[in-house]
Amino acid sequence: MIKKVRFSITDLAQELGISQTKIRFWESYFKIKVDRKKHRGGKQERYYTIKQADKIRKIALLKKTGLYTLKGIEELFL
């Protein structure tokens, strides 16, 4: 089985059942530096490393439980 090295924002949004907009917001709020790759049509796609994708998964899980605010999650990651 081939293990993914990077994940697109589309992959993550579908996996987590959340919007790409929410992921972009978390990316800026938690200062997650993301690589962008330009495609032929000039469109850019965000790609996340395994570590970045895991961080977004943790944020999504903590938000889904409803026990943490963004501020609370930020303090957990410090």
Protein backbone atom coordinates (compact mmCIF):
# COMPACT_ATOMS: atom_id res chain seq x y z
CA MET A 1 0.00 0.00 0.00
CA ILE A 2 1.28 3.45 -0.94
CA LYS A 3 1.36 5.98 1.88
CA LYS A 4 0.58 9.58 0.96
CA VAL A 5 3.33 12.13 1.56
CA ARG A 6 1.13 15.17 1.03
CA PHE A 7 -2.57 15.95 1.04
CA SER A 8 -4.51 18.51 -0.97
CA ILE A 9 -7.01 20.79 0.72
CA THR A 10 -9.74 18.95 -1.21
CA ASP A 11 -8.59 15.59 0.21
CA LEU A 12 -8.62 16.91 3.77
CA ALA A 13 -11.98 18.64 3.44
CA GLN A 14 -13.61 15.48 2.11
CA GLU A 15 -11.96 13.26 4.72
CA LEU A 16 -13.04 15.50 7.62
CA GLY A 17 -16.42 16.46 6.21
CA ILE A 18 -15.74 20.18 6.53
CA SER A 19 -15.42 23.05 4.08
CA GLN A 20 -12.17 24.14 2.50
CA THR A 21 -12.93 27.63 3.79
CA LYS A 22 -12.82 26.36 7.38
CA ILE A 23 -9.47 24.67 6.75
CA ARG A 24 -8.08 27.90 5.26
CA PHE A 25 -9.30 29.82 8.30
CA TRP A 26 -7.63 27.37 10.70
CA GLU A 27 -4.50 27.51 8.56
CA SER A 28 -4.26 31.27 9.06
CA TYR A 29 -5.44 31.27 12.70
CA PHE A 30 -2.94 28.59 13.80
CA LYS A 31 -0.21 29.91 11.44
CA ILE A 32 0.19 26.67 9.51
CA LYS A 33 2.64 27.33 6.65
CA VAL A 34 1.32 25.54 3.56
CA ASP A 35 2.98 24.73 0.24
CA ARG A 36 1.12 25.80 -2.87
CA LYS A 37 1.56 24.31 -6.29
CA LYS A 38 0.52 26.02 -9.49
CA HIS A 39 -1.27 23.95 -12.10
CA ARG A 40 -1.31 24.55 -15.84
CA GLY A 41 -4.35 26.80 -15.77
CA GLY A 42 -2.66 29.07 -13.23
CA LYS A 43 -4.80 27.68 -10.41
CA GLN A 44 -2.96 27.12 -7.13
CA GLU A 45 -3.69 24.15 -4.88
CA ARG A 46 -2.69 23.90 -1.23
CA TYR A 47 -0.73 20.80 -0.20
CA TYR A 48 -0.20 19.71 3.41
CA THR A 49 2.54 17.49 4.78
CA ILE A 50 1.61 14.55 6.99
CA LYS A 51 2.46 16.63 10.08
CA GLN A 52 0.31 19.58 8.91
CA ALA A 53 -2.58 17.28 7.97
CA ASP A 54 -2.42 15.62 11.41
CA LYS A 55 -2.57 19.03 13.10
CA ILE A 56 -5.68 19.95 11.09
CA ARG A 57 -7.24 16.58 11.95
CA LYS A 58 -6.62 17.23 15.66
CA ILE A 59 -8.15 20.71 15.40
CA ALA A 60 -11.20 19.27 13.63
CA LEU A 61 -11.61 16.57 16.29
CA LEU A 62 -11.31 19.03 19.18
CA LYS A 63 -13.79 21.43 17.55
CA LYS A 64 -16.20 18.58 16.79
CA THR A 65 -16.36 17.56 20.46
CA GLY A 66 -17.44 21.11 21.28
CA LEU A 67 -15.29 21.15 24.41
CA TYR A 68 -12.70 23.59 23.07
CA THR A 69 -12.78 27.05 21.58
CA LEU A 70 -10.13 28.07 19.06
CA LYS A 71 -8.34 29.90 21.87
CA GLY A 72 -8.38 26.72 23.97
CA ILE A 73 -7.02 24.64 21.10
CA GLU A 74 -4.32 27.24 20.51
CA GLU A 75 -3.21 26.91 24.13
CA LEU A 76 -3.03 23.10 23.78
CA PHE A 77 -0.66 23.43 20.83
CA LEU A 78 1.73 25.87 22.56
